[in-house]
């Protein structure tokens, strides 16, 4: 189990972080997660990925104002850059991250 402090430390110490909010009862979450993780890992080698189970870590979800699952939050250089909930296309997420990520990492 993670704490809010653990998650904040990861965001502070890494240039690119993805928080993936889901729950065991969410079928969309289960289907989306492996595809999204693979896409992030194959396109962006410096991403730190944190999975957050909202059924257990409700305080973390509340802190980031996450009320629907799945939700993806992308942090670049410590700041929230992108927020996607429920209906998201993996290609769309990758496209929106590509340019700022490449500028940041060059």
N, C-alpha and C. Protein backbone atom coordinates (compact mmCIF):
# COMPACT_ATOMS: atom_id res chain seq x y z
N UNK A 1 0.83 -1.19 0.00
CA UNK A 1 0.00 0.00 0.00
C UNK A 1 0.88 1.25 0.00
N UNK A 2 0.45 2.24 -0.74
CA UNK A 2 1.21 3.48 -0.85
C UNK A 2 0.54 4.58 -0.05
N UNK A 3 1.33 5.57 0.30
CA UNK A 3 0.77 6.73 0.96
C UNK A 3 0.81 7.90 -0.02
N UNK A 4 0.10 8.94 0.32
CA UNK A 4 0.13 10.16 -0.48
C UNK A 4 1.55 10.70 -0.56
N UNK A 5 2.28 10.60 0.54
CA UNK A 5 3.69 11.07 0.58
C UNK A 5 4.55 10.26 -0.40
N UNK A 6 4.32 8.94 -0.48
CA UNK A 6 5.07 8.10 -1.42
C UNK A 6 4.84 8.57 -2.85
N UNK A 7 3.58 8.80 -3.19
CA UNK A 7 3.22 9.21 -4.55
C UNK A 7 3.82 10.58 -4.86
N UNK A 8 3.74 11.50 -3.91
CA UNK A 8 4.28 12.84 -4.11
C UNK A 8 5.79 12.79 -4.32
N UNK A 9 6.47 11.91 -3.57
CA UNK A 9 7.93 11.75 -3.69
C UNK A 9 8.29 11.27 -5.11
N UNK A 10 7.52 10.32 -5.64
CA UNK A 10 7.77 9.83 -7.00
C UNK A 10 7.59 10.95 -8.01
N UNK A 11 6.54 11.76 -7.84
CA UNK A 11 6.29 12.88 -8.75
C UNK A 11 7.44 13.90 -8.66
N UNK A 12 7.90 14.16 -7.44
CA UNK A 12 8.98 15.14 -7.24
C UNK A 12 10.32 14.67 -7.80
N UNK A 13 10.57 13.36 -7.75
CA UNK A 13 11.88 12.83 -8.12
C UNK A 13 12.01 12.39 -9.58
N UNK A 14 10.91 12.37 -10.32
CA UNK A 14 10.95 11.90 -11.71
C UNK A 14 10.39 12.96 -12.65
N UNK A 15 10.99 13.09 -13.82
CA UNK A 15 10.54 14.08 -14.80
C UNK A 15 9.17 13.74 -15.39
N UNK A 16 8.89 12.45 -15.56
CA UNK A 16 7.64 12.02 -16.20
C UNK A 16 7.01 10.90 -15.37
N UNK A 17 5.78 11.14 -14.92
CA UNK A 17 5.09 10.18 -14.06
C UNK A 17 3.65 10.00 -14.55
N UNK A 18 3.22 8.75 -14.57
CA UNK A 18 1.82 8.47 -14.87
C UNK A 18 1.20 7.81 -13.64
N UNK A 19 0.09 8.39 -13.15
CA UNK A 19 -0.69 7.76 -12.10
C UNK A 19 -1.88 7.10 -12.77
N UNK A 20 -2.05 5.81 -12.53
CA UNK A 20 -3.15 5.06 -13.12
C UNK A 20 -4.09 4.64 -12.00
N UNK A 21 -5.27 5.26 -11.95
CA UNK A 21 -6.26 4.99 -10.92
C UNK A 21 -7.25 3.95 -11.43
N UNK A 22 -7.41 2.87 -10.68
CA UNK A 22 -8.35 1.83 -11.06
C UNK A 22 -8.82 1.09 -9.81
N UNK A 23 -9.65 0.09 -10.02
CA UNK A 23 -10.12 -0.76 -8.92
C UNK A 23 -10.33 -2.17 -9.47
N UNK A 24 -10.22 -3.17 -8.60
CA UNK A 24 -10.36 -4.56 -9.05
C UNK A 24 -11.72 -4.86 -9.70
N UNK A 25 -12.75 -4.12 -9.35
CA UNK A 25 -14.08 -4.38 -9.89
C UNK A 25 -14.33 -3.72 -11.25
N UNK A 26 -13.36 -2.98 -11.75
CA UNK A 26 -13.52 -2.22 -13.00
C UNK A 26 -12.98 -3.02 -14.18
N UNK A 27 -13.89 -3.51 -15.04
CA UNK A 27 -13.47 -4.32 -16.19
C UNK A 27 -12.76 -3.48 -17.25
N UNK A 28 -13.20 -2.25 -17.44
CA UNK A 28 -12.53 -1.35 -18.41
C UNK A 28 -11.08 -1.12 -17.97
N UNK A 29 -10.89 -0.93 -16.66
CA UNK A 29 -9.55 -0.71 -16.11
C UNK A 29 -8.64 -1.90 -16.44
N UNK A 30 -9.16 -3.09 -16.24
CA UNK A 30 -8.38 -4.32 -16.48
C UNK A 30 -7.99 -4.46 -17.95
N UNK A 31 -8.90 -4.09 -18.84
CA UNK A 31 -8.65 -4.21 -20.27
C UNK A 31 -7.67 -3.13 -20.76
N UNK A 32 -7.82 -1.94 -20.23
CA UNK A 32 -7.02 -0.80 -20.68
C UNK A 32 -5.58 -0.83 -20.16
N UNK A 33 -5.42 -1.21 -18.89
CA UNK A 33 -4.13 -1.08 -18.23
C UNK A 33 -2.95 -1.72 -18.97
N UNK A 34 -3.00 -3.01 -19.35
CA UNK A 34 -1.83 -3.60 -20.01
C UNK A 34 -1.49 -2.91 -21.33
N UNK A 35 -2.51 -2.51 -22.09
CA UNK A 35 -2.27 -1.85 -23.38
C UNK A 35 -1.65 -0.47 -23.17
N UNK A 36 -2.18 0.26 -22.20
CA UNK A 36 -1.67 1.60 -21.93
C UNK A 36 -0.24 1.54 -21.39
N UNK A 37 0.03 0.63 -20.46
CA UNK A 37 1.38 0.50 -19.90
C UNK A 37 2.38 0.14 -20.99
N UNK A 38 2.00 -0.77 -21.86
CA UNK A 38 2.89 -1.17 -22.95
C UNK A 38 3.17 0.01 -23.87
N UNK A 39 2.15 0.78 -24.19
CA UNK A 39 2.31 1.95 -25.07
C UNK A 39 3.23 2.99 -24.44
N UNK A 40 3.03 3.25 -23.16
CA UNK A 40 3.87 4.24 -22.45
C UNK A 40 5.32 3.74 -22.41
N UNK A 41 5.51 2.49 -22.00
CA UNK A 41 6.86 1.94 -21.87
C UNK A 41 7.60 1.87 -23.21
N UNK A 42 6.89 1.58 -24.29
CA UNK A 42 7.58 1.46 -25.57
C UNK A 42 7.83 2.83 -26.24
N UNK A 43 7.08 3.85 -25.85
CA UNK A 43 7.27 5.17 -26.45
C UNK A 43 8.08 6.14 -25.60
N UNK A 44 8.06 5.94 -24.30
CA UNK A 44 8.70 6.89 -23.38
C UNK A 44 9.49 6.11 -22.33
N UNK A 45 10.80 6.04 -22.50
CA UNK A 45 11.61 5.19 -21.61
C UNK A 45 11.82 5.77 -20.21
N UNK A 46 11.57 7.03 -20.01
CA UNK A 46 11.83 7.62 -18.70
C UNK A 46 10.58 7.81 -17.84
N UNK A 47 9.47 7.18 -18.23
CA UNK A 47 8.23 7.33 -17.46
C UNK A 47 8.23 6.44 -16.24
N UNK A 48 7.83 6.99 -15.12
CA UNK A 48 7.59 6.22 -13.90
C UNK A 48 6.08 6.02 -13.82
N UNK A 49 5.65 4.78 -13.66
CA UNK A 49 4.22 4.47 -13.65
C UNK A 49 3.81 3.99 -12.27
N UNK A 50 2.76 4.61 -11.73
CA UNK A 50 2.26 4.26 -10.41
C UNK A 50 0.80 3.85 -10.55
N UNK A 51 0.49 2.62 -10.11
CA UNK A 51 -0.89 2.15 -10.12
C UNK A 51 -1.50 2.39 -8.75
N UNK A 52 -2.70 2.96 -8.74
CA UNK A 52 -3.37 3.28 -7.49
C UNK A 52 -4.73 2.60 -7.49
N UNK A 53 -4.94 1.74 -6.50
CA UNK A 53 -6.21 1.04 -6.34
C UNK A 53 -7.14 1.92 -5.51
N UNK A 54 -8.14 2.48 -6.17
CA UNK A 54 -9.02 3.44 -5.49
C UNK A 54 -9.89 2.78 -4.42
N UNK A 55 -10.02 1.46 -4.46
CA UNK A 55 -10.82 0.79 -3.42
C UNK A 55 -10.05 0.73 -2.10
N UNK A 56 -8.73 0.84 -2.16
CA UNK A 56 -7.89 0.79 -0.97
C UNK A 56 -7.35 2.19 -0.64
N UNK A 57 -6.84 2.86 -1.66
CA UNK A 57 -6.15 4.15 -1.45
C UNK A 57 -7.05 5.32 -1.80
N UNK A 58 -8.18 5.40 -1.09
CA UNK A 58 -9.18 6.43 -1.36
C UNK A 58 -8.66 7.83 -1.07
N UNK A 59 -7.78 7.95 -0.08
CA UNK A 59 -7.24 9.27 0.27
C UNK A 59 -6.40 9.84 -0.88
N UNK A 60 -5.67 8.97 -1.58
CA UNK A 60 -4.85 9.43 -2.72
C UNK A 60 -5.77 9.87 -3.85
N UNK A 61 -6.79 9.08 -4.13
CA UNK A 61 -7.75 9.43 -5.19
C UNK A 61 -8.42 10.77 -4.86
N UNK A 62 -8.82 10.95 -3.62
CA UNK A 62 -9.49 12.19 -3.21
C UNK A 62 -8.54 13.38 -3.34
N UNK A 63 -7.28 13.18 -2.95
CA UNK A 63 -6.30 14.27 -3.04
C UNK A 63 -6.16 14.78 -4.48
N UNK A 64 -6.18 13.86 -5.43
CA UNK A 64 -6.03 14.24 -6.85
C UNK A 64 -7.38 14.46 -7.53
N UNK A 65 -8.45 14.53 -6.76
CA UNK A 65 -9.81 14.75 -7.28
C UNK A 65 -10.19 13.73 -8.36
N UNK A 66 -9.91 12.49 -8.09
CA UNK A 66 -10.26 11.41 -9.01
C UNK A 66 -11.54 10.75 -8.50
N UNK A 67 -12.62 10.90 -9.28
CA UNK A 67 -13.91 10.37 -8.86
C UNK A 67 -14.46 9.33 -9.83
N UNK A 68 -13.75 9.07 -10.93
CA UNK A 68 -14.17 8.08 -11.91
C UNK A 68 -12.96 7.22 -12.25
N UNK A 69 -13.23 5.96 -12.60
CA UNK A 69 -12.12 5.11 -13.01
C UNK A 69 -12.46 4.45 -14.35
N UNK A 70 -11.47 4.12 -15.16
CA UNK A 70 -10.06 4.44 -14.94
C UNK A 70 -9.78 5.94 -15.16
N UNK A 71 -8.81 6.44 -14.43
CA UNK A 71 -8.31 7.79 -14.64
C UNK A 71 -6.80 7.74 -14.74
N UNK A 72 -6.28 8.49 -15.69
CA UNK A 72 -4.84 8.59 -15.89
C UNK A 72 -4.45 10.04 -15.66
N UNK A 73 -3.46 10.25 -14.80
CA UNK A 73 -2.89 11.58 -14.62
C UNK A 73 -1.44 11.51 -15.06
N UNK A 74 -1.05 12.44 -15.92
CA UNK A 74 0.33 12.51 -16.38
C UNK A 74 0.96 13.76 -15.76
N UNK A 75 2.09 13.56 -15.11
CA UNK A 75 2.84 14.67 -14.54
C UNK A 75 4.15 14.81 -15.30
N UNK A 76 4.43 16.01 -15.77
CA UNK A 76 5.70 16.31 -16.42
C UNK A 76 6.38 17.38 -15.59
N UNK A 77 7.60 17.11 -15.18
CA UNK A 77 8.38 18.04 -14.37
C UNK A 77 7.61 18.49 -13.12
N UNK A 78 6.92 17.54 -12.47
CA UNK A 78 6.25 17.82 -11.21
C UNK A 78 4.87 18.45 -11.31
N UNK A 79 4.43 18.77 -12.53
CA UNK A 79 3.13 19.42 -12.68
C UNK A 79 2.17 18.54 -13.45
N UNK A 80 0.90 18.58 -13.07
CA UNK A 80 -0.09 17.80 -13.80
C UNK A 80 -0.21 18.38 -15.20
N UNK A 81 -0.01 17.52 -16.18
CA UNK A 81 -0.02 17.94 -17.58
C UNK A 81 -1.27 17.44 -18.31
N UNK A 82 -1.71 16.24 -17.96
CA UNK A 82 -2.81 15.63 -18.69
C UNK A 82 -3.66 14.80 -17.73
N UNK A 83 -4.98 14.86 -17.94
CA UNK A 83 -5.91 14.09 -17.13
C UNK A 83 -6.94 13.48 -18.07
N UNK A 84 -7.04 12.17 -18.03
CA UNK A 84 -8.02 11.45 -18.87
C UNK A 84 -8.81 10.52 -17.96
N UNK A 85 -10.13 10.53 -18.14
CA UNK A 85 -10.98 9.64 -17.35
C UNK A 85 -11.90 8.84 -18.26
N UNK A 86 -12.23 7.66 -17.78
CA UNK A 86 -13.19 6.76 -18.42
C UNK A 86 -12.87 6.44 -19.87
N UNK A 87 -13.40 7.23 -20.79
CA UNK A 87 -13.25 6.90 -22.21
C UNK A 87 -12.02 7.60 -22.76
N UNK A 88 -10.97 6.81 -22.96
CA UNK A 88 -9.74 7.40 -23.51
C UNK A 88 -9.16 6.46 -24.54
N UNK A 89 -8.57 7.06 -25.54
CA UNK A 89 -7.89 6.25 -26.54
C UNK A 89 -6.40 6.27 -26.21
N UNK A 90 -5.78 5.12 -26.30
CA UNK A 90 -4.35 5.02 -26.00
C UNK A 90 -3.56 5.90 -26.96
N UNK A 91 -3.93 5.88 -28.24
CA UNK A 91 -3.24 6.72 -29.23
C UNK A 91 -3.33 8.20 -28.88
N UNK A 92 -4.48 8.60 -28.41
CA UNK A 92 -4.70 10.00 -28.03
C UNK A 92 -3.78 10.39 -26.86
N UNK A 93 -3.69 9.51 -25.86
CA UNK A 93 -2.82 9.77 -24.71
C UNK A 93 -1.37 9.90 -25.17
N UNK A 94 -0.91 8.96 -26.00
CA UNK A 94 0.46 8.98 -26.50
C UNK A 94 0.72 10.26 -27.29
N UNK A 95 -0.21 10.60 -28.18
CA UNK A 95 -0.06 11.80 -29.02
C UNK A 95 0.09 13.07 -28.18
N UNK A 96 -0.72 13.16 -27.12
CA UNK A 96 -0.69 14.37 -26.30
C UNK A 96 0.59 14.50 -25.48
N UNK A 97 1.22 13.38 -25.18
CA UNK A 97 2.44 13.39 -24.36
C UNK A 97 3.69 13.59 -25.23
N UNK A 98 3.68 13.07 -26.46
CA UNK A 98 4.88 12.99 -27.30
C UNK A 98 5.71 14.27 -27.38
N UNK A 99 5.11 15.35 -27.81
CA UNK A 99 5.86 16.58 -28.04
C UNK A 99 6.47 17.16 -26.76
N UNK A 100 5.66 17.40 -25.71
CA UNK A 100 6.26 17.95 -24.49
C UNK A 100 7.30 17.02 -23.88
N UNK A 101 7.08 15.71 -23.98
CA UNK A 101 8.04 14.75 -23.43
C UNK A 101 9.37 14.83 -24.17
N UNK A 102 9.31 14.88 -25.51
CA UNK A 102 10.56 14.92 -26.29
C UNK A 102 11.31 16.23 -26.06
N UNK A 103 10.57 17.33 -25.90
CA UNK A 103 11.22 18.62 -25.62
C UNK A 103 11.89 18.57 -24.24
N UNK A 104 11.19 18.02 -23.29
CA UNK A 104 11.70 17.95 -21.92
C UNK A 104 12.93 17.05 -21.78
N UNK A 105 12.94 15.96 -22.53
CA UNK A 105 14.01 14.98 -22.39
C UNK A 105 15.21 15.26 -23.31
N UNK A 106 15.08 16.25 -24.20
CA UNK A 106 16.20 16.49 -25.12
C UNK A 106 17.27 17.36 -24.49
